[in-house]
Amino acid sequence: MAQINLLPWREAQREERKKEFLTINIAIFLLAAVLAGLIWMIFNHILDDQQQANAQITSENTQLDAKLKSLSGLQARRDEIIARMKVIQDLQGQRPVVVRIFDELPRLTPANVYLTKFARAGDKFTIEGRAQSPNDVSELLRNLENSPWFRNAFMNSFQGAIVAPVPGGVVMRPEDSYGKFVISVDLELPQAEVAPVNGVQPAAVQNKMGAAS
């Protein structure tokens, strides 16, 4: 005998499918939310690590800049010390030079010439004095050129004396009738006269040796 189902089975089946569809959608949404959360946590962790690495690099750069500034200061200090050592070496190497120059000048000065001023600026000298005639000054220039201690001797000026009568019968001194002269001359350091200081030639001698080569 045939059985006939009079219940609304199609409606029940449709409702059952709707429930399954909603369940699947909800599960997919939850899974997507979980995955999005995991991805966000991973990227946030990576970002934190990168920020920490950047902060460490910045800190190391700051320390490196401080070290570089310190090294720069040390280099400047080293250059300053070397410059002072060169000055000291020059002074030590040229201590006998002044003595030899003052010993040499009287030998080079002719009889009718006497000096009134002797000034030095580096390796250049200015000599002022009085002479009986320009010929006496020329002789002094020749003596300076022939000396191993001087070079480039040049007479800047010669002014003859103006002799005025002296009242009262006062006798004039011979040098009152001498003319005034100004000579410029350069220092010439004989290499044999300047001994090395601690095995190092003074800078003045080194410069002359370099110029000669």
Protein backbone atom coordinates (compact mmCIF):
# COMPACT_ATOMS: atom_id res chain seq x y z
CA MET A 1 0.00 0.00 0.00
CA ALA A 2 1.52 3.35 -1.00
CA GLN A 3 2.39 5.88 1.71
CA ILE A 4 1.88 9.59 1.05
CA ASN A 5 3.79 12.18 3.07
CA LEU A 6 1.54 15.14 3.54
CA LEU A 7 4.06 17.19 5.66
CA PRO A 8 5.67 20.31 4.08
CA TRP A 9 9.03 18.56 3.60
CA ARG A 10 10.23 20.98 0.92
CA GLU A 11 9.96 23.92 3.30
CA ALA A 12 11.83 21.99 5.99
CA GLN A 13 14.58 21.08 3.52
CA ARG A 14 14.87 24.71 2.41
CA GLU A 15 15.19 25.90 6.01
CA GLU A 16 17.81 23.26 6.69
CA ARG A 17 19.91 24.45 3.73
CA LYS A 18 19.60 28.06 4.85
CA LYS A 19 20.90 27.12 8.29
CA GLU A 20 23.85 25.25 6.74
CA PHE A 21 24.65 28.21 4.48
CA LEU A 22 24.56 30.65 7.41
CA THR A 23 26.72 28.34 9.48
CA ILE A 24 29.31 28.08 6.70
CA ASN A 25 29.33 31.87 6.19
CA ILE A 26 29.76 32.49 9.89
CA ALA A 27 32.60 29.97 10.06
CA ILE A 28 34.33 31.58 7.05
CA PHE A 29 33.95 35.04 8.60
CA LEU A 30 35.38 33.86 11.90
CA LEU A 31 38.26 32.11 10.13
CA ALA A 32 38.99 35.26 8.11
CA ALA A 33 38.93 37.38 11.28
CA VAL A 34 41.32 35.00 13.00
CA LEU A 35 43.67 35.02 9.98
CA ALA A 36 43.51 38.84 9.78
CA GLY A 37 44.36 39.07 13.48
CA LEU A 38 47.27 36.70 13.07
CA ILE A 39 48.57 38.63 10.04
CA TRP A 40 48.23 41.93 11.93
CA MET A 41 50.14 40.51 14.91
CA ILE A 42 52.90 39.20 12.63
CA PHE A 43 53.29 42.53 10.81
CA ASN A 44 53.15 44.45 14.08
CA HIS A 45 55.90 42.25 15.48
CA ILE A 46 58.00 42.80 12.35
CA LEU A 47 57.40 46.55 12.61
CA ASP A 48 58.45 46.57 16.27
CA ASP A 49 61.65 44.69 15.40
CA GLN A 50 62.40 47.15 12.60
CA GLN A 51 61.81 50.13 14.87
CA GLN A 52 64.13 48.65 17.48
CA ALA A 53 66.76 48.03 14.80
CA ASN A 54 66.40 51.62 13.57
CA ALA A 55 66.73 52.94 17.12
CA GLN A 56 69.87 50.85 17.64
CA ILE A 57 71.36 52.09 14.37
CA THR A 58 70.59 55.70 15.34
CA SER A 59 72.23 55.19 18.73
CA GLU A 60 75.32 53.63 17.14
CA ASN A 61 75.53 56.49 14.63
CA THR A 62 75.40 59.00 17.48
CA GLN A 63 78.19 57.19 19.31
CA LEU A 64 80.22 56.99 16.08
CA ASP A 65 79.78 60.74 15.48
CA ALA A 66 81.01 61.42 19.01
CA LYS A 67 84.05 59.19 18.42
CA LEU A 68 84.77 60.92 15.11
CA LYS A 69 84.61 64.33 16.80
CA SER A 70 86.97 63.06 19.48
CA LEU A 71 89.37 61.75 16.82
CA SER A 72 89.16 65.08 15.00
CA GLY A 73 90.08 66.87 18.21
CA LEU A 74 93.00 64.49 18.73
CA GLN A 75 94.20 65.11 15.18
CA ALA A 76 94.09 68.88 15.72
CA ARG A 77 95.95 68.46 19.01
CA ARG A 78 98.55 66.28 17.29
CA ASP A 79 99.07 68.88 14.54
CA GLU A 80 99.44 71.60 17.17
CA ILE A 81 102.05 69.57 19.06
CA ILE A 82 103.97 68.88 15.84
CA ALA A 83 103.94 72.59 14.97
CA ARG A 84 105.28 73.46 18.42
CA MET A 85 107.98 70.80 18.10
CA LYS A 86 109.06 72.32 14.77
CA VAL A 87 109.27 75.76 16.35
CA ILE A 88 111.34 74.38 19.22
CA GLN A 89 113.60 72.53 16.78
CA ASP A 90 114.11 75.70 14.76
CA LEU A 91 114.96 77.67 17.89
CA GLN A 92 117.33 75.01 19.16
CA GLY A 93 118.98 74.66 15.77
CA GLN A 94 119.41 78.42 15.32
CA ARG A 95 120.61 79.36 18.79
CA PRO A 96 124.21 79.83 17.64
CA VAL A 97 123.09 81.75 14.54
CA VAL A 98 122.51 85.06 16.34
CA VAL A 99 125.89 84.82 18.03
CA ARG A 100 127.63 84.10 14.74
CA ILE A 101 125.81 86.97 13.00
CA PHE A 102 126.84 89.51 15.64
CA ASP A 103 130.34 88.13 15.47
CA GLU A 104 130.36 88.43 11.67
CA LEU A 105 128.98 91.96 11.32
CA PRO A 106 131.95 93.82 12.88
CA ARG A 107 134.29 91.98 10.52
CA LEU A 108 132.21 93.02 7.50
CA THR A 109 131.78 96.67 8.48
CA PRO A 110 134.34 99.01 6.84
CA ALA A 111 136.30 101.51 8.89
CA ASN A 112 134.28 104.55 7.82
CA VAL A 113 130.90 102.91 8.56
CA TYR A 114 129.14 102.35 11.83
CA LEU A 115 125.74 100.79 12.49
CA THR A 116 122.93 102.39 14.47
CA LYS A 117 120.12 99.85 14.13
CA PHE A 118 119.84 96.14 13.37
CA ALA A 119 116.32 94.64 13.05
CA ARG A 120 115.24 91.15 12.07
CA ALA A 121 111.93 89.89 10.68
CA GLY A 122 112.14 86.17 9.96
CA ASP A 123 115.09 85.65 7.61
CA LYS A 124 115.26 89.32 6.58
CA PHE A 125 117.40 91.99 8.23
CA THR A 126 117.24 95.75 8.08
CA ILE A 127 120.53 97.51 8.84
CA GLU A 128 120.68 101.24 9.45
CA GLY A 129 123.81 103.24 10.01
CA ARG A 130 126.04 106.09 8.96
CA ALA A 131 128.82 106.12 6.38
CA GLN A 132 131.34 108.65 5.15
CA SER A 133 130.39 108.07 1.52
CA PRO A 134 128.22 105.80 -0.65
CA ASN A 135 131.41 103.97 -1.64
CA ASP A 136 131.77 102.79 1.95
CA VAL A 137 128.20 101.49 1.86
CA SER A 138 128.98 99.69 -1.42
CA GLU A 139 131.95 98.04 0.26
CA LEU A 140 129.69 96.91 3.09
CA LEU A 141 127.26 95.45 0.53
CA ARG A 142 130.09 93.52 -1.15
CA ASN A 143 131.26 92.18 2.20
CA LEU A 144 127.74 91.03 3.02
CA GLU A 145 127.40 89.25 -0.32
CA ASN A 146 130.76 87.52 0.14
CA SER A 147 129.80 86.33 3.62
CA PRO A 148 128.35 82.81 3.95
CA TRP A 149 125.77 84.20 6.37
CA PHE A 150 124.07 86.78 4.14
CA ARG A 151 122.64 87.12 0.64
CA ASN A 152 120.63 89.58 -1.47
CA ALA A 153 122.18 92.66 0.14
CA PHE A 154 120.56 95.83 -1.16
CA MET A 155 120.91 99.52 -0.26
CA ASN A 156 117.44 100.96 0.16
CA SER A 157 118.54 104.55 0.66
CA PHE A 158 121.48 106.84 1.32
CA GLN A 159 120.98 110.36 2.61
CA GLY A 160 123.95 112.70 2.79
CA ALA A 161 124.46 114.66 5.96
CA ILE A 162 123.54 118.34 6.10
CA VAL A 163 126.38 120.05 7.96
CA ALA A 164 125.34 123.22 9.75
CA PRO A 165 127.83 125.58 11.41
CA VAL A 166 128.14 125.02 15.14
CA PRO A 167 128.17 128.24 17.16
CA GLY A 168 130.52 128.82 20.04
CA GLY A 169 133.55 127.20 18.45
CA VAL A 170 132.36 123.64 19.28
CA VAL A 171 134.27 121.09 17.24
CA MET A 172 132.05 118.73 15.25
CA ARG A 173 132.55 115.02 15.49
CA PRO A 174 133.64 113.34 12.23
CA GLU A 175 130.57 111.09 12.20
CA ASP A 176 128.30 114.14 12.21
CA SER A 177 129.23 114.64 8.58
CA TYR A 178 128.44 111.02 7.66
CA GLY A 179 125.40 110.18 5.54
CA LYS A 180 122.60 107.88 6.70
CA PHE A 181 121.90 104.62 4.91
CA VAL A 182 119.41 101.74 5.10
CA ILE A 183 120.34 98.26 3.89
CA SER A 184 118.16 95.16 3.59
CA VAL A 185 119.75 91.73 3.50
CA ASP A 186 118.57 88.10 3.79
CA LEU A 187 119.89 85.48 6.16
CA GLU A 188 121.87 82.64 4.63
CA LEU A 189 122.28 79.61 6.91
CA PRO A 190 125.36 77.52 6.10
CA GLN A 191 124.30 73.89 6.35
CA ALA A 192 127.40 72.93 8.30
CA GLU A 193 126.64 75.54 10.96
CA VAL A 194 123.16 74.25 11.85
CA ALA A 195 123.28 70.89 13.56
CA PRO A 196 120.29 68.54 13.43
CA VAL A 197 118.10 68.42 16.52
CA ASN A 198 117.32 64.80 17.50
CA GLY A 199 118.31 63.72 14.02
CA VAL A 200 116.00 66.25 12.33
CA GLN A 201 117.23 69.30 10.45
CA PRO A 202 115.53 72.59 11.43
CA ALA A 203 112.73 73.65 9.12
CA ALA A 204 114.69 76.63 7.79
CA VAL A 205 117.54 74.39 6.59
CA GLN A 206 115.10 71.85 5.16
CA ASN A 207 113.40 74.58 3.15
CA LYS A 208 116.75 75.79 1.76
CA MET A 209 117.78 72.25 0.87
CA GLY A 210 114.43 71.71 -0.90
CA ALA A 211 114.79 74.97 -2.79
CA ALA A 212 118.34 74.09 -3.83
CA SER A 213 117.25 70.68 -5.14
